Amino acid sequence: MLKYFEHSASPLYAQVSDVMRERIVKSIWSIDSQIPTLPALALEFGVGLVTIRQAIQLLKNEGLLASKQGQGTFVLHKPETHPRMRVETSLVKLADLYRQQAPRLIPIDEGDAMPHLEADDGIAAPKYRLLRRIHAIKRQHSSIISAYIDDRVFNIAPNRFRTETVIPVLLDLKSVVIGSARQILTISTAGEEAAHALNISVAAPVAELRRVICAPDGTVLYLGELTYRADYIRVEMDLLA
């Protein structure tokens, strides 16, 4: 067994799939090439055949590998190694980005819940609607989000909030006046829930975004807590702007 497998909290198959994915990224396993047999991989990684099958199935689900009847398993595509989500620094640009991307929304949960507000976030609304969901781009899950929306705002356009990303909907609502908006980006590692949702290993690098949008009187209209796969985030800054 490879030594770095020994002290990780992630399932073995997820750790093995990470190594396999990296080989595809670096073209050690090139597109259209056949990967080693299951027994050969099991011997190399020091794990059982079941673990290898699970790791390969995970990469098949991502569209990276495919089996050919009677021939073996072949590399189909490279993963999205270059991020497709820019970290925008204005609300309008962020809304435009979401409109252009239109990620697929996978609902996890919906209900009433109060967010945890920091001292400088603003004033809590009487009630919030919590939407928990996964954003997916093409075949891969790119982020998991907990969106807390002032219930009064949510009830203006509940169907849109359920089926679209939150920021564009907020900006489209003429009756909602935004007084302030900010976001904080933190580099962190995936916990069990995020790792499971994003098909990555526990402790894999992630980017955590916390977005707070307030009304002019300081009421928090929206709090978004997002966890992105690290390979879907790109921070680009014009240093002469």
C-alpha atoms as a PDB file:
ATOM      1  CA  MET A   1       0.000   0.000   0.000  1.00  0.00           C
ATOM      2  CA  LEU A   2       1.304   3.465  -0.818  1.00  0.00           C
ATOM      3  CA  LYS A   3       2.403   5.151   2.400  1.00  0.00           C
ATOM      4  CA  TYR A   4       0.260   8.274   2.049  1.00  0.00           C
ATOM      5  CA  PHE A   5      -2.859   6.072   2.145  1.00  0.00           C
ATOM      6  CA  GLU A   6      -2.123   4.998   5.707  1.00  0.00           C
ATOM      7  CA  HIS A   7      -3.182   8.108   7.653  1.00  0.00           C
ATOM      8  CA  SER A   8      -6.016   9.558   5.585  1.00  0.00           C
ATOM      9  CA  ALA A   9      -9.644   9.619   6.711  1.00  0.00           C
ATOM     10  CA  SER A  10     -10.883   9.199   3.138  1.00  0.00           C
ATOM     11  CA  PRO A  11     -12.087   5.840   1.815  1.00  0.00           C
ATOM     12  CA  LEU A  12      -9.332   3.905   0.098  1.00  0.00           C
ATOM     13  CA  TYR A  13     -11.127   3.894  -3.254  1.00  0.00           C
ATOM     14  CA  ALA A  14     -11.325   7.729  -3.211  1.00  0.00           C
ATOM     15  CA  GLN A  15      -7.608   7.983  -2.468  1.00  0.00           C
ATOM     16  CA  VAL A  16      -6.772   5.535  -5.257  1.00  0.00           C
ATOM     17  CA  SER A  17      -9.014   7.421  -7.685  1.00  0.00           C
ATOM     18  CA  ASP A  18      -7.179  10.658  -6.791  1.00  0.00           C
ATOM     19  CA  VAL A  19      -3.882   9.094  -7.857  1.00  0.00           C
ATOM     20  CA  MET A  20      -5.430   7.718 -11.041  1.00  0.00           C
ATOM     21  CA  ARG A  21      -7.004  11.074 -11.843  1.00  0.00           C
ATOM     22  CA  GLU A  22      -3.647  12.780 -11.406  1.00  0.00           C
ATOM     23  CA  ARG A  23      -2.068  10.343 -13.855  1.00  0.00           C
ATOM     24  CA  ILE A  24      -4.686  11.302 -16.428  1.00  0.00           C
ATOM     25  CA  VAL A  25      -4.140  15.022 -15.771  1.00  0.00           C
ATOM     26  CA  LYS A  26      -0.378  14.650 -16.282  1.00  0.00           C
ATOM     27  CA  SER A  27      -0.855  12.405 -19.366  1.00  0.00           C
ATOM     28  CA  ILE A  28       0.934   9.518 -17.675  1.00  0.00           C
ATOM     29  CA  TRP A  29      -2.223   7.784 -18.815  1.00  0.00           C
ATOM     30  CA  SER A  30      -2.932   9.535 -22.116  1.00  0.00           C
ATOM     31  CA  ILE A  31      -6.298   9.846 -23.806  1.00  0.00           C
ATOM     32  CA  ASP A  32      -7.312   6.654 -25.665  1.00  0.00           C
ATOM     33  CA  SER A  33      -4.639   4.624 -23.866  1.00  0.00           C
ATOM     34  CA  GLN A  34      -5.497   1.467 -21.957  1.00  0.00           C
ATOM     35  CA  ILE A  35      -4.882   1.560 -18.215  1.00  0.00           C
ATOM     36  CA  PRO A  36      -3.285  -1.416 -16.409  1.00  0.00           C
ATOM     37  CA  THR A  37      -5.428  -4.401 -15.520  1.00  0.00           C
ATOM     38  CA  LEU A  38      -7.293  -4.572 -12.216  1.00  0.00           C
ATOM     39  CA  PRO A  39      -4.900  -7.173 -10.714  1.00  0.00           C
ATOM     40  CA  ALA A  40      -1.905  -5.059 -11.742  1.00  0.00           C
ATOM     41  CA  LEU A  41      -3.392  -1.948 -10.137  1.00  0.00           C
ATOM     42  CA  ALA A  42      -4.369  -3.852  -7.007  1.00  0.00           C
ATOM     43  CA  LEU A  43      -0.794  -5.094  -6.682  1.00  0.00           C
ATOM     44  CA  GLU A  44       0.676  -1.634  -7.274  1.00  0.00           C
ATOM     45  CA  PHE A  45      -1.549   0.123  -4.746  1.00  0.00           C
ATOM     46  CA  GLY A  46      -1.613  -2.718  -2.248  1.00  0.00           C
ATOM     47  CA  VAL A  47      -5.408  -2.821  -2.075  1.00  0.00           C
ATOM     48  CA  GLY A  48      -8.111  -5.307  -2.978  1.00  0.00           C
ATOM     49  CA  LEU A  49      -9.814  -5.697  -6.332  1.00  0.00           C
ATOM     50  CA  VAL A  50     -13.048  -4.288  -4.907  1.00  0.00           C
ATOM     51  CA  THR A  51     -11.263  -1.039  -4.027  1.00  0.00           C
ATOM     52  CA  ILE A  52      -9.803  -0.781  -7.534  1.00  0.00           C
ATOM     53  CA  ARG A  53     -13.226  -1.385  -9.102  1.00  0.00           C
ATOM     54  CA  GLN A  54     -14.746   1.342  -6.914  1.00  0.00           C
ATOM     55  CA  ALA A  55     -11.980   3.796  -7.845  1.00  0.00           C
ATOM     56  CA  ILE A  56     -12.384   3.065 -11.553  1.00  0.00           C
ATOM     57  CA  GLN A  57     -16.171   3.385 -11.321  1.00  0.00           C
ATOM     58  CA  LEU A  58     -15.773   6.812  -9.740  1.00  0.00           C
ATOM     59  CA  LEU A  59     -13.652   7.953 -12.683  1.00  0.00           C
ATOM     60  CA  LYS A  60     -16.147   6.427 -15.097  1.00  0.00           C
ATOM     61  CA  ASN A  61     -18.886   8.461 -13.424  1.00  0.00           C
ATOM     62  CA  GLU A  62     -16.777  11.570 -14.057  1.00  0.00           C
ATOM     63  CA  GLY A  63     -16.468  10.626 -17.730  1.00  0.00           C
ATOM     64  CA  LEU A  64     -12.714  10.063 -17.542  1.00  0.00           C
ATOM     65  CA  LEU A  65     -12.610   6.299 -18.111  1.00  0.00           C
ATOM     66  CA  ALA A  66     -14.658   3.878 -20.182  1.00  0.00           C
ATOM     67  CA  SER A  67     -14.616   0.107 -20.597  1.00  0.00           C
ATOM     68  CA  LYS A  68     -14.567  -1.650 -23.954  1.00  0.00           C
ATOM     69  CA  GLN A  69     -16.060  -5.113 -24.049  1.00  0.00           C
ATOM     70  CA  GLY A  70     -13.327  -7.730 -24.050  1.00  0.00           C
ATOM     71  CA  GLN A  71     -10.534  -5.146 -24.326  1.00  0.00           C
ATOM     72  CA  GLY A  72     -10.155  -3.397 -20.990  1.00  0.00           C
ATOM     73  CA  THR A  73     -10.529   0.125 -19.581  1.00  0.00           C
ATOM     74  CA  PHE A  74      -9.411   3.169 -21.537  1.00  0.00           C
ATOM     75  CA  VAL A  75      -8.887   6.871 -20.863  1.00  0.00           C
ATOM     76  CA  LEU A  76     -11.763   8.809 -22.384  1.00  0.00           C
ATOM     77  CA  HIS A  77     -11.197  12.404 -21.276  1.00  0.00           C
ATOM     78  CA  LYS A  78      -9.024  14.550 -19.070  1.00  0.00           C
ATOM     79  CA  PRO A  79     -10.694  16.138 -16.043  1.00  0.00           C
ATOM     80  CA  GLU A  80     -11.403  19.844 -15.948  1.00  0.00           C
ATOM     81  CA  THR A  81      -8.066  20.899 -14.494  1.00  0.00           C
ATOM     82  CA  HIS A  82      -8.497  24.584 -15.281  1.00  0.00           C
ATOM     83  CA  PRO A  83     -11.218  26.274 -13.246  1.00  0.00           C
ATOM     84  CA  ARG A  84     -14.357  27.597 -14.835  1.00  0.00           C
ATOM     85  CA  MET A  85     -15.508  29.719 -11.898  1.00  0.00           C
ATOM     86  CA  ARG A  86     -13.753  33.071 -11.634  1.00  0.00           C
ATOM     87  CA  VAL A  87     -13.816  34.846  -8.297  1.00  0.00           C
ATOM     88  CA  GLU A  88     -15.487  38.088  -9.334  1.00  0.00           C
ATOM     89  CA  THR A  89     -15.097  41.230  -7.256  1.00  0.00           C
ATOM     90  CA  SER A  90     -18.390  42.931  -8.076  1.00  0.00           C
ATOM     91  CA  LEU A  91     -21.991  41.816  -7.610  1.00  0.00           C
ATOM     92  CA  VAL A  92     -22.986  42.649 -11.188  1.00  0.00           C
ATOM     93  CA  LYS A  93     -20.060  40.679 -12.657  1.00  0.00           C
ATOM     94  CA  LEU A  94     -20.844  37.761 -10.360  1.00  0.00           C
ATOM     95  CA  ALA A  95     -24.473  37.738 -11.521  1.00  0.00           C
ATOM     96  CA  ASP A  96     -23.360  37.897 -15.163  1.00  0.00           C
ATOM     97  CA  LEU A  97     -20.989  34.981 -14.588  1.00  0.00           C
ATOM     98  CA  TYR A  98     -23.782  32.850 -13.139  1.00  0.00           C
ATOM     99  CA  ARG A  99     -26.079  33.773 -16.029  1.00  0.00           C
ATOM    100  CA  GLN A 100     -23.407  32.737 -18.541  1.00  0.00           C
ATOM    101  CA  GLN A 101     -22.549  29.512 -16.759  1.00  0.00           C
ATOM    102  CA  ALA A 102     -26.023  28.484 -15.615  1.00  0.00           C
ATOM    103  CA  PRO A 103     -24.752  25.563 -13.512  1.00  0.00           C
ATOM    104  CA  ARG A 104     -27.036  22.601 -13.033  1.00  0.00           C
ATOM    105  CA  LEU A 105     -28.648  22.733  -9.587  1.00  0.00           C
ATOM    106  CA  ILE A 106     -28.997  19.528  -7.575  1.00  0.00           C
ATOM    107  CA  PRO A 107     -31.252  20.072  -4.520  1.00  0.00           C
ATOM    108  CA  ILE A 108     -30.161  18.552  -1.217  1.00  0.00           C
ATOM    109  CA  ASP A 109     -32.497  20.102   1.305  1.00  0.00           C
ATOM    110  CA  GLU A 110     -34.894  23.017   1.877  1.00  0.00           C
ATOM    111  CA  GLY A 111     -36.394  24.392   5.057  1.00  0.00           C
ATOM    112  CA  ASP A 112     -36.482  27.153   7.648  1.00  0.00           C
ATOM    113  CA  ALA A 113     -33.176  27.790   9.414  1.00  0.00           C
ATOM    114  CA  MET A 114     -31.364  30.729  10.960  1.00  0.00           C
ATOM    115  CA  PRO A 115     -27.802  31.352   9.742  1.00  0.00           C
ATOM    116  CA  HIS A 116     -24.891  31.946  12.069  1.00  0.00           C
ATOM    117  CA  LEU A 117     -24.105  35.638  11.649  1.00  0.00           C
ATOM    118  CA  GLU A 118     -20.789  37.211  12.597  1.00  0.00           C
ATOM    119  CA  ALA A 119     -20.787  40.477  14.520  1.00  0.00           C
ATOM    120  CA  ASP A 120     -20.053  42.548  11.405  1.00  0.00           C
ATOM    121  CA  ASP A 121     -22.423  40.716   9.049  1.00  0.00           C
ATOM    122  CA  GLY A 122     -25.516  42.768   9.829  1.00  0.00           C
ATOM    123  CA  ILE A 123     -28.943  42.423  11.403  1.00  0.00           C
ATOM    124  CA  ALA A 124     -30.778  39.111  11.239  1.00  0.00           C
ATOM    125  CA  ALA A 125     -34.116  38.980   9.433  1.00  0.00           C
ATOM    126  CA  PRO A 126     -37.040  37.452  11.367  1.00  0.00           C
ATOM    127  CA  LYS A 127     -36.938  34.248   9.304  1.00  0.00           C
ATOM    128  CA  TYR A 128     -34.791  32.626   6.613  1.00  0.00           C
ATOM    129  CA  ARG A 129     -35.340  30.017   3.950  1.00  0.00           C
ATOM    130  CA  LEU A 130     -32.393  27.630   3.621  1.00  0.00           C
ATOM    131  CA  LEU A 131     -31.654  26.076   0.240  1.00  0.00           C
ATOM    132  CA  ARG A 132     -28.895  23.463   0.258  1.00  0.00           C
ATOM    133  CA  ARG A 133     -27.768  22.226  -3.119  1.00  0.00           C
ATOM    134  CA  ILE A 134     -24.911  21.219  -5.352  1.00  0.00           C
ATOM    135  CA  HIS A 135     -23.816  23.157  -8.416  1.00  0.00           C
ATOM    136  CA  ALA A 136     -22.659  20.966 -11.299  1.00  0.00           C
ATOM    137  CA  ILE A 137     -20.776  21.959 -14.432  1.00  0.00           C
ATOM    138  CA  LYS A 138     -20.924  19.379 -17.191  1.00  0.00           C
ATOM    139  CA  ARG A 139     -20.414  16.007 -15.485  1.00  0.00           C
ATOM    140  CA  GLN A 140     -18.621  17.184 -12.368  1.00  0.00           C
ATOM    141  CA  HIS A 141     -19.955  18.641  -9.140  1.00  0.00           C
ATOM    142  CA  SER A 142     -18.188  21.975  -8.716  1.00  0.00           C
ATOM    143  CA  SER A 143     -19.555  23.301  -5.420  1.00  0.00           C
ATOM    144  CA  ILE A 144     -21.928  22.701  -2.528  1.00  0.00           C
ATOM    145  CA  ILE A 145     -23.858  25.665  -1.170  1.00  0.00           C
ATOM    146  CA  SER A 146     -25.989  26.621   1.804  1.00  0.00           C
ATOM    147  CA  ALA A 147     -28.078  29.651   0.794  1.00  0.00           C
ATOM    148  CA  TYR A 148     -29.931  31.515   3.550  1.00  0.00           C
ATOM    149  CA  ILE A 149     -32.474  33.931   2.057  1.00  0.00           C
ATOM    150  CA  ASP A 150     -34.624  36.392   4.003  1.00  0.00           C
ATOM    151  CA  ASP A 151     -38.002  34.654   3.888  1.00  0.00           C
ATOM    152  CA  ARG A 152     -39.736  37.867   2.840  1.00  0.00           C
ATOM    153  CA  VAL A 153     -37.433  38.093  -0.166  1.00  0.00           C
ATOM    154  CA  PHE A 154     -37.714  34.377  -0.946  1.00  0.00           C
ATOM    155  CA  ASN A 155     -41.520  34.606  -1.084  1.00  0.00           C
ATOM    156  CA  ILE A 156     -41.338  37.241  -3.830  1.00  0.00           C
ATOM    157  CA  ALA A 157     -40.024  34.670  -6.324  1.00  0.00           C
ATOM    158  CA  PRO A 158     -39.909  31.205  -4.697  1.00  0.00           C
ATOM    159  CA  ASN A 159     -39.897  29.262  -7.965  1.00  0.00           C
ATOM    160  CA  ARG A 160     -36.982  31.259  -9.354  1.00  0.00           C
ATOM    161  CA  PHE A 161     -34.956  30.914  -6.167  1.00  0.00           C
ATOM    162  CA  ARG A 162     -35.516  27.143  -6.255  1.00  0.00           C
ATOM    163  CA  THR A 163     -34.503  26.724  -9.892  1.00  0.00           C
ATOM    164  CA  GLU A 164     -31.872  29.429 -10.457  1.00  0.00           C
ATOM    165  CA  THR A 165     -28.715  30.666  -8.781  1.00  0.00           C
ATOM    166  CA  VAL A 166     -29.503  33.221  -6.071  1.00  0.00           C
ATOM    167  CA  ILE A 167     -27.449  36.284  -7.057  1.00  0.00           C
ATOM    168  CA  PRO A 168     -29.055  36.940 -10.482  1.00  0.00           C
ATOM    169  CA  VAL A 169     -32.532  36.521  -8.999  1.00  0.00           C
ATOM    170  CA  LEU A 170     -31.756  38.998  -6.212  1.00  0.00           C
ATOM    171  CA  LEU A 171     -30.566  41.611  -8.705  1.00  0.00           C
ATOM    172  CA  ASP A 172     -33.656  41.118 -10.880  1.00  0.00           C
ATOM    173  CA  LEU A 173     -36.096  41.837  -8.041  1.00  0.00           C
ATOM    174  CA  LYS A 174     -36.941  45.541  -8.372  1.00  0.00           C
ATOM    175  CA  SER A 175     -38.517  45.652  -4.913  1.00  0.00           C
ATOM    176  CA  VAL A 176     -35.299  44.493  -3.229  1.00  0.00           C
ATOM    177  CA  VAL A 177     -32.771  47.246  -2.524  1.00  0.00           C
ATOM    178  CA  ILE A 178     -29.189  46.155  -1.798  1.00  0.00           C
ATOM    179  CA  GLY A 179     -27.141  48.333   0.503  1.00  0.00           C
ATOM    180  CA  SER A 180     -23.953  46.281   0.790  1.00  0.00           C
ATOM    181  CA  ALA A 181     -22.438  43.052  -0.507  1.00  0.00           C
ATOM    182  CA  ARG A 182     -19.174  41.328   0.347  1.00  0.00           C
ATOM    183  CA  GLN A 183     -17.526  37.946   0.113  1.00  0.00           C
ATOM    184  CA  ILE A 184     -14.622  36.273   1.850  1.00  0.00           C
ATOM    185  CA  LEU A 185     -12.495  33.576   0.192  1.00  0.00           C
ATOM    186  CA  THR A 186     -10.671  31.054   2.385  1.00  0.00           C
ATOM    187  CA  ILE A 187      -8.457  28.185   1.263  1.00  0.00           C
ATOM    188  CA  SER A 188      -9.332  25.138   3.332  1.00  0.00           C
ATOM    189  CA  THR A 189      -9.695  21.354   3.201  1.00  0.00           C
ATOM    190  CA  ALA A 190     -12.787  19.267   2.535  1.00  0.00           C
ATOM    191  CA  GLY A 191     -14.762  17.758   5.363  1.00  0.00           C
ATOM    192  CA  GLU A 192     -16.688  14.526   4.963  1.00  0.00           C
ATOM    193  CA  GLU A 193     -19.900  16.131   3.666  1.00  0.00           C
ATOM    194  CA  ALA A 194     -18.157  18.318   1.094  1.00  0.00           C
ATOM    195  CA  ALA A 195     -15.876  15.468   0.014  1.00  0.00           C
ATOM    196  CA  HIS A 196     -18.870  13.201  -0.567  1.00  0.00           C
ATOM    197  CA  ALA A 197     -20.832  15.886  -2.441  1.00  0.00           C
ATOM    198  CA  LEU A 198     -17.927  16.918  -4.678  1.00  0.00           C
ATOM    199  CA  ASN A 199     -16.435  13.455  -5.295  1.00  0.00           C
ATOM    200  CA  ILE A 200     -13.096  14.356  -3.734  1.00  0.00           C
ATOM    201  CA  SER A 201     -11.101  12.997  -0.816  1.00  0.00           C
ATOM    202  CA  VAL A 202     -11.522  14.156   2.752  1.00  0.00           C
ATOM    203  CA  ALA A 203      -8.860  16.833   3.393  1.00  0.00           C
ATOM    204  CA  ALA A 204      -8.530  17.581  -0.329  1.00  0.00           C
ATOM    205  CA  PRO A 205      -7.991  21.318  -0.974  1.00  0.00           C
ATOM    206  CA  VAL A 206     -11.145  23.401  -1.388  1.00  0.00           C
ATOM    207  CA  ALA A 207     -12.046  27.077  -1.608  1.00  0.00           C
ATOM    208  CA  GLU A 208     -14.671  28.309   0.816  1.00  0.00           C
ATOM    209  CA  LEU A 209     -16.655  31.427  -0.068  1.00  0.00           C
ATOM    210  CA  ARG A 210     -18.878  33.311   2.351  1.00  0.00           C
ATOM    211  CA  ARG A 211     -21.174  35.894   0.745  1.00  0.00           C
ATOM    212  CA  VAL A 212     -23.229  38.415   2.706  1.00  0.00           C
ATOM    213  CA  ILE A 213     -25.722  40.762   1.059  1.00  0.00           C
ATOM    214  CA  CYS A 214     -27.556  43.351   3.170  1.00  0.00           C
ATOM    215  CA  ALA A 215     -30.351  45.852   2.777  1.00  0.00           C
ATOM    216  CA  PRO A 216     -29.593  49.563   3.336  1.00  0.00           C
ATOM    217  CA  ASP A 217     -30.749  49.230   6.970  1.00  0.00           C
ATOM    218  CA  GLY A 218     -28.211  46.426   7.565  1.00  0.00           C
ATOM    219  CA  THR A 219     -30.635  43.495   7.434  1.00  0.00           C
ATOM    220  CA  VAL A 220     -28.930  40.410   6.003  1.00  0.00           C
ATOM    221  CA  LEU A 221     -30.945  39.525   2.911  1.00  0.00           C
ATOM    222  CA  TYR A 222     -28.725  36.657   1.839  1.00  0.00           C
ATOM    223  CA  LEU A 223     -25.924  34.625   3.354  1.00  0.00           C
ATOM    224  CA  GLY A 224     -24.247  32.100   1.087  1.00  0.00           C
ATOM    225  CA  GLU A 225     -21.754  29.530   2.335  1.00  0.00           C
ATOM    226  CA  LEU A 226     -20.101  27.775  -0.604  1.00  0.00           C
ATOM    227  CA  THR A 227     -17.418  25.120  -0.842  1.00  0.00           C
ATOM    228  CA  TYR A 228     -15.745  24.760  -4.253  1.00  0.00           C
ATOM    229  CA  ARG A 229     -13.480  22.074  -5.590  1.00  0.00           C
ATOM    230  CA  ALA A 230     -10.066  23.731  -5.744  1.00  0.00           C
ATOM    231  CA  ASP A 231      -9.727  22.961  -9.451  1.00  0.00           C
ATOM    232  CA  TYR A 232     -12.835  25.043 -10.229  1.00  0.00           C
ATOM    233  CA  ILE A 233     -11.566  28.292  -8.740  1.00  0.00           C
ATOM    234  CA  ARG A 234      -9.391  30.877 -10.454  1.00  0.00           C
ATOM    235  CA  VAL A 235      -8.435  34.180  -8.871  1.00  0.00           C
ATOM    236  CA  GLU A 236      -7.314  36.670 -11.501  1.00  0.00           C
ATOM    237  CA  MET A 237      -6.380  40.237 -10.592  1.00  0.00           C
ATOM    238  CA  ASP A 238      -5.356  43.167 -12.759  1.00  0.00           C
ATOM    239  CA  LEU A 239      -2.530  44.680 -10.738  1.00  0.00           C
ATOM    240  CA  LEU A 240      -2.604  47.914 -12.777  1.00  0.00           C
ATOM    241  CA  ALA A 241      -6.347  48.489 -12.394  1.00  0.00           C
END
